[in-house]
Amino acid sequence: MKNVGQSADYAAITARQKETWAAGDFNQVARQNVCMAEALCDAVDLHAGERVLDVACGSGTAALVASRRYCDVVGIDYVAALIERARHRAVADDLDAEFQVGDAQDLPFPDASFDAVLSVYGVQFAPDQEQAANEMLRVCRPGGRIALASPIPEGWSGDFFATNAKYIPPPAGIKPPLRWGTEAGLEELLGAGTRSISSEKRTALQYYRSIEHAGDVFLRYFGPAIRASQADSGRALRGDLEAVFDRYNRATDGTAVIENTYLLTVAIRA
């Protein structure tokens, strides 16, 4: 059921957001997310033959990890170019995964269709968070698992998204995606439909040739950063972003190894 009395125009915001993500090539950024996808699949102990949905799958990173375990996998994302890339990746790796264009806020699947529902830095960006959470709960079978890798308010993710928002402020009435990276936010979004929610902070490392290269990757391929750069008449964004990367850089050899702390969550469907 859609939220009643909503103040934000979620349909219009979703349409603009879709254009933003399509402006880049998230596949080039998602290469750094493979370790998070593998951690999710380990956390829910996926077994061969289980039905798995990767929500807001991008180019299919988590879906392909699950498919390598011989799960029956579907990935869904509203950016058609990313779905096409996911299909190409599956063919290249000889993996049997299905990919569909669709919206995390309106999943085209029957109730209780999946044993596990995954999302790596994906569903968290849906404008209507309550609706997206309800959809994940709806399509997950009772006793099934919902596993999330979510950005948190502190650390690299918090600083990165705060920096981007200086140039492109979020739409009015929309709650931040970092809400998914808090215990209170998860309880609000998933608590009523689950019998348990457990979370722990994990570290994912991002590898680049240099701090400047990290900035290049995001300004060329990451849709929100591309949009922010278009609004940056003074070209200050690059310096601000590189300062964030430098703050969390572990490397001392001139390359960049960025420490990203995220929240790994497993919720058991009631």
Protein backbone atom coordinates (compact mmCIF):
# COMPACT_ATOMS: atom_id res chain seq x y z
CA MET A 1 0.00 0.00 0.00
CA LYS A 2 1.31 3.44 -0.88
CA ASN A 3 1.92 5.87 1.95
CA VAL A 4 -1.07 8.08 2.70
CA GLY A 5 -0.63 11.82 3.14
CA GLN A 6 2.92 11.85 1.78
CA SER A 7 4.39 15.34 1.44
CA ALA A 8 6.99 14.52 -1.21
CA ASP A 9 6.20 13.80 -4.85
CA TYR A 10 7.92 10.42 -4.89
CA ALA A 11 7.11 9.68 -8.52
CA ALA A 12 8.71 12.92 -9.74
CA ILE A 13 11.71 12.49 -7.44
CA THR A 14 12.18 8.89 -8.58
CA ALA A 15 12.14 9.98 -12.22
CA ARG A 16 14.82 12.62 -11.60
CA GLN A 17 16.85 10.21 -9.53
CA LYS A 18 16.73 7.61 -12.30
CA GLU A 19 18.13 10.17 -14.73
CA THR A 20 20.89 11.02 -12.26
CA TRP A 21 22.04 7.42 -11.85
CA ALA A 22 21.82 6.86 -15.60
CA ALA A 23 24.12 9.85 -16.19
CA GLY A 24 27.13 7.80 -15.18
CA ASP A 25 28.19 4.16 -15.27
CA PHE A 26 27.76 2.74 -11.80
CA ASN A 27 29.40 -0.51 -12.89
CA GLN A 28 32.73 1.31 -12.72
CA VAL A 29 32.06 2.25 -9.09
CA ALA A 30 30.48 -1.07 -8.08
CA ARG A 31 33.72 -2.97 -8.63
CA GLN A 32 34.61 -1.73 -5.14
CA ASN A 33 31.43 -3.31 -3.72
CA VAL A 34 32.17 -6.95 -4.49
CA CYS A 35 33.50 -7.58 -0.99
CA MET A 36 30.25 -6.24 0.49
CA ALA A 37 28.19 -8.50 -1.78
CA GLU A 38 30.23 -11.51 -0.74
CA ALA A 39 29.82 -10.55 2.93
CA LEU A 40 26.04 -10.39 2.54
CA CYS A 41 25.87 -13.81 0.90
CA ASP A 42 28.02 -15.23 3.69
CA ALA A 43 25.94 -13.52 6.39
CA VAL A 44 22.70 -15.16 5.22
CA ASP A 45 24.46 -18.45 4.35
CA LEU A 46 22.98 -18.73 0.86
CA HIS A 47 22.66 -22.31 -0.38
CA ALA A 48 22.21 -23.68 -3.88
CA GLY A 49 18.61 -23.61 -5.08
CA GLU A 50 17.46 -20.79 -2.82
CA ARG A 51 15.43 -18.02 -4.46
CA VAL A 52 17.29 -14.73 -4.15
CA LEU A 53 16.37 -11.17 -5.13
CA ASP A 54 18.96 -8.41 -5.51
CA VAL A 55 17.09 -5.10 -5.11
CA ALA A 56 18.46 -2.01 -6.88
CA CYS A 57 21.11 -4.37 -8.20
CA GLY A 58 22.97 -1.94 -10.44
CA SER A 59 25.14 -4.02 -12.75
CA GLY A 60 24.36 -7.15 -10.76
CA THR A 61 27.22 -7.41 -8.29
CA ALA A 62 25.39 -9.16 -5.42
CA ALA A 63 23.16 -11.14 -7.80
CA LEU A 64 26.20 -12.60 -9.54
CA VAL A 65 27.83 -13.56 -6.24
CA ALA A 66 24.62 -15.40 -5.28
CA SER A 67 24.42 -17.01 -8.71
CA ARG A 68 27.89 -18.46 -8.28
CA ARG A 69 26.42 -20.41 -5.36
CA TYR A 70 23.83 -21.87 -7.77
CA CYS A 71 20.99 -19.89 -6.25
CA ASP A 72 17.98 -19.01 -8.40
CA VAL A 73 18.63 -15.28 -8.71
CA VAL A 74 16.75 -12.24 -9.96
CA GLY A 75 18.22 -8.74 -10.00
CA ILE A 76 16.12 -5.60 -10.48
CA ASP A 77 17.12 -1.99 -11.12
CA TYR A 78 15.42 0.99 -12.72
CA VAL A 79 18.43 1.97 -14.88
CA ALA A 80 18.08 -0.02 -18.10
CA ALA A 81 21.74 0.36 -19.08
CA LEU A 82 22.85 -1.21 -15.79
CA ILE A 83 20.48 -4.13 -16.26
CA GLU A 84 21.91 -4.68 -19.73
CA ARG A 85 25.41 -4.62 -18.26
CA ALA A 86 24.35 -7.16 -15.61
CA ARG A 87 23.07 -9.46 -18.34
CA HIS A 88 26.35 -9.19 -20.22
CA ARG A 89 28.29 -9.96 -17.06
CA ALA A 90 26.18 -13.04 -16.40
CA VAL A 91 26.76 -14.31 -19.94
CA ALA A 92 30.50 -13.62 -19.73
CA ASP A 93 30.75 -15.65 -16.51
CA ASP A 94 28.32 -18.35 -17.74
CA LEU A 95 25.96 -17.66 -14.83
CA ASP A 96 22.23 -18.33 -14.83
CA ALA A 97 20.81 -15.12 -13.36
CA GLU A 98 17.76 -13.15 -14.47
CA PHE A 99 17.73 -9.35 -14.61
CA GLN A 100 14.73 -7.04 -14.97
CA VAL A 101 14.16 -3.32 -15.23
CA GLY A 102 11.99 -2.24 -12.31
CA ASP A 103 11.61 -0.04 -9.25
CA ALA A 104 12.51 -1.05 -5.69
CA GLN A 105 9.38 0.83 -4.57
CA ASP A 106 7.12 -1.38 -6.70
CA LEU A 107 8.61 -4.86 -7.02
CA PRO A 108 6.91 -6.93 -9.76
CA PHE A 109 6.84 -10.18 -7.80
CA PRO A 110 4.18 -12.06 -5.81
CA ASP A 111 4.16 -12.12 -2.03
CA ALA A 112 6.69 -14.46 -0.35
CA SER A 113 8.55 -15.13 -3.62
CA PHE A 114 12.09 -15.23 -2.24
CA ASP A 115 14.11 -16.97 0.45
CA ALA A 116 16.54 -14.06 0.64
CA VAL A 117 16.45 -10.41 -0.42
CA LEU A 118 19.75 -8.54 -0.79
CA SER A 119 20.77 -4.95 -1.45
CA VAL A 120 24.24 -3.39 -1.53
CA TYR A 121 24.09 0.43 -1.42
CA GLY A 122 20.95 0.18 -3.54
CA VAL A 123 17.49 0.18 -1.95
CA GLN A 124 18.81 2.73 0.53
CA PHE A 125 18.55 5.42 -2.18
CA ALA A 126 14.85 4.83 -2.94
CA PRO A 127 13.01 8.12 -2.20
CA ASP A 128 10.03 6.43 -0.50
CA GLN A 129 11.94 4.45 2.08
CA GLU A 130 8.90 3.06 3.85
CA GLN A 131 7.46 1.76 0.58
CA ALA A 132 10.75 0.20 -0.47
CA ALA A 133 11.07 -1.50 2.92
CA ASN A 134 7.48 -2.75 2.72
CA GLU A 135 8.14 -4.18 -0.73
CA MET A 136 11.19 -6.11 0.44
CA LEU A 137 9.21 -7.49 3.37
CA ARG A 138 6.31 -8.40 1.10
CA VAL A 139 8.33 -10.46 -1.38
CA CYS A 140 10.42 -12.22 1.28
CA ARG A 141 8.87 -15.42 2.62
CA PRO A 142 8.18 -15.83 6.34
CA GLY A 143 11.43 -16.92 7.95
CA GLY A 144 13.40 -15.62 4.98
CA ARG A 145 16.32 -13.23 5.25
CA ILE A 146 16.79 -9.62 4.22
CA ALA A 147 20.47 -8.66 4.02
CA LEU A 148 21.68 -5.10 3.52
CA ALA A 149 25.00 -3.33 3.12
CA SER A 150 24.15 0.26 4.02
CA PRO A 151 26.09 3.53 4.20
CA ILE A 152 26.38 4.95 7.70
CA PRO A 153 26.26 8.59 8.88
CA GLU A 154 29.89 8.58 9.99
CA GLY A 155 33.09 7.61 8.16
CA TRP A 156 33.76 7.81 4.44
CA SER A 157 30.14 7.33 3.36
CA GLY A 158 28.80 10.01 5.66
CA ASP A 159 31.47 12.50 4.62
CA PHE A 160 31.20 11.68 0.93
CA PHE A 161 27.43 12.12 0.72
CA ALA A 162 27.52 15.25 2.89
CA THR A 163 30.09 16.74 0.52
CA ASN A 164 28.02 15.88 -2.55
CA ALA A 165 24.92 17.40 -0.90
CA LYS A 166 26.71 20.76 -0.55
CA TYR A 167 26.45 21.09 -4.32
CA ILE A 168 23.18 19.21 -4.98
CA PRO A 169 20.94 19.36 -1.89
CA PRO A 170 18.53 16.43 -1.51
CA PRO A 171 14.86 16.99 -2.42
CA ALA A 172 12.64 18.43 0.29
CA GLY A 173 10.75 15.85 2.32
CA ILE A 174 13.15 12.97 1.55
CA LYS A 175 14.91 11.17 4.38
CA PRO A 176 18.63 10.51 3.88
CA PRO A 177 19.82 7.09 2.67
CA LEU A 178 22.12 7.04 5.70
CA ARG A 179 18.99 6.34 7.78
CA TRP A 180 19.35 2.70 6.69
CA GLY A 181 22.75 2.66 8.35
CA THR A 182 21.34 3.28 11.84
CA GLU A 183 19.66 0.91 14.28
CA ALA A 184 16.80 3.35 14.83
CA GLY A 185 16.17 3.73 11.11
CA LEU A 186 16.21 -0.02 10.52
CA GLU A 187 13.75 -0.57 13.34
CA GLU A 188 11.42 2.05 11.88
CA LEU A 189 11.64 0.60 8.40
CA LEU A 190 11.77 -3.16 9.02
CA GLY A 191 10.93 -3.76 12.67
CA ALA A 192 7.21 -4.36 12.30
CA GLY A 193 7.70 -7.04 9.66
CA THR A 194 10.62 -8.93 11.13
CA ARG A 195 11.26 -11.12 14.13
CA SER A 196 14.89 -10.04 14.50
CA ILE A 197 17.31 -7.48 13.13
CA SER A 198 21.04 -7.82 13.71
CA SER A 199 23.69 -5.42 12.45
CA GLU A 200 27.41 -4.95 12.68
CA LYS A 201 29.85 -2.47 11.22
CA ARG A 202 32.20 -3.84 8.62
CA THR A 203 35.02 -2.33 6.60
CA ALA A 204 35.24 -2.41 2.81
CA LEU A 205 38.43 -1.19 1.16
CA GLN A 206 38.38 0.73 -2.12
CA TYR A 207 41.51 0.63 -4.27
CA TYR A 208 42.62 3.39 -6.66
CA ARG A 209 45.84 4.42 -8.39
CA SER A 210 45.90 7.67 -6.40
CA ILE A 211 43.63 10.13 -4.60
CA GLU A 212 43.29 12.01 -7.88
CA HIS A 213 42.29 8.80 -9.64
CA ALA A 214 39.58 8.19 -7.01
CA GLY A 215 38.21 11.65 -7.76
CA ASP A 216 38.36 10.94 -11.49
CA VAL A 217 36.37 7.71 -11.12
CA PHE A 218 33.55 9.32 -9.16
CA LEU A 219 33.36 12.49 -11.24
CA ARG A 220 33.26 10.48 -14.45
CA TYR A 221 31.07 7.52 -13.48
CA PHE A 222 29.05 8.22 -10.30
CA GLY A 223 25.76 9.86 -11.31
CA PRO A 224 25.22 12.03 -8.19
CA ALA A 225 28.80 13.34 -8.37
CA ILE A 226 28.38 14.07 -12.07
CA ARG A 227 25.24 16.10 -11.34
CA ALA A 228 26.99 17.90 -8.49
CA SER A 229 29.92 18.76 -10.75
CA GLN A 230 27.51 20.31 -13.26
CA ALA A 231 26.32 22.64 -10.50
CA ASP A 232 29.88 23.44 -9.41
CA SER A 233 30.77 26.63 -11.26
CA GLY A 234 33.84 27.18 -9.11
CA ARG A 235 35.22 23.64 -9.58
CA ALA A 236 35.56 23.26 -5.81
CA LEU A 237 33.82 19.86 -5.74
CA ARG A 238 36.87 17.92 -6.93
CA GLY A 239 39.00 19.33 -4.13
CA ASP A 240 36.31 18.62 -1.54
CA LEU A 241 35.86 15.03 -2.72
CA GLU A 242 39.58 14.37 -2.86
CA ALA A 243 39.87 15.70 0.70
CA VAL A 244 37.33 13.07 1.79
CA PHE A 245 39.22 10.31 0.01
CA ASP A 246 42.50 11.49 1.53
CA ARG A 247 40.98 11.50 5.02
CA TYR A 248 40.23 7.76 4.82
CA ASN A 249 43.28 6.66 2.81
CA ARG A 250 45.31 3.85 4.38
CA ALA A 251 47.98 3.72 1.67
CA THR A 252 51.39 5.32 2.10
CA ASP A 253 52.89 4.49 -1.30
CA GLY A 254 51.13 7.12 -3.41
CA THR A 255 48.18 4.89 -4.26
CA ALA A 256 44.82 5.07 -2.48
CA VAL A 257 43.24 2.43 -0.27
CA ILE A 258 40.08 4.01 1.08
CA GLU A 259 38.54 2.65 4.27
CA ASN A 260 34.76 2.60 4.00
CA THR A 261 32.84 1.52 7.08
CA TYR A 262 29.34 0.26 6.35
CA LEU A 263 26.54 -1.48 8.24
CA LEU A 264 25.87 -5.13 7.44
CA THR A 265 22.31 -6.00 8.47
CA VAL A 266 20.43 -9.31 8.50
CA ALA A 267 16.70 -9.18 9.24
CA ILE A 268 14.57 -12.31 9.59
CA ARG A 269 11.09 -12.00 8.13
CA ALA A 270 8.29 -12.55 10.64
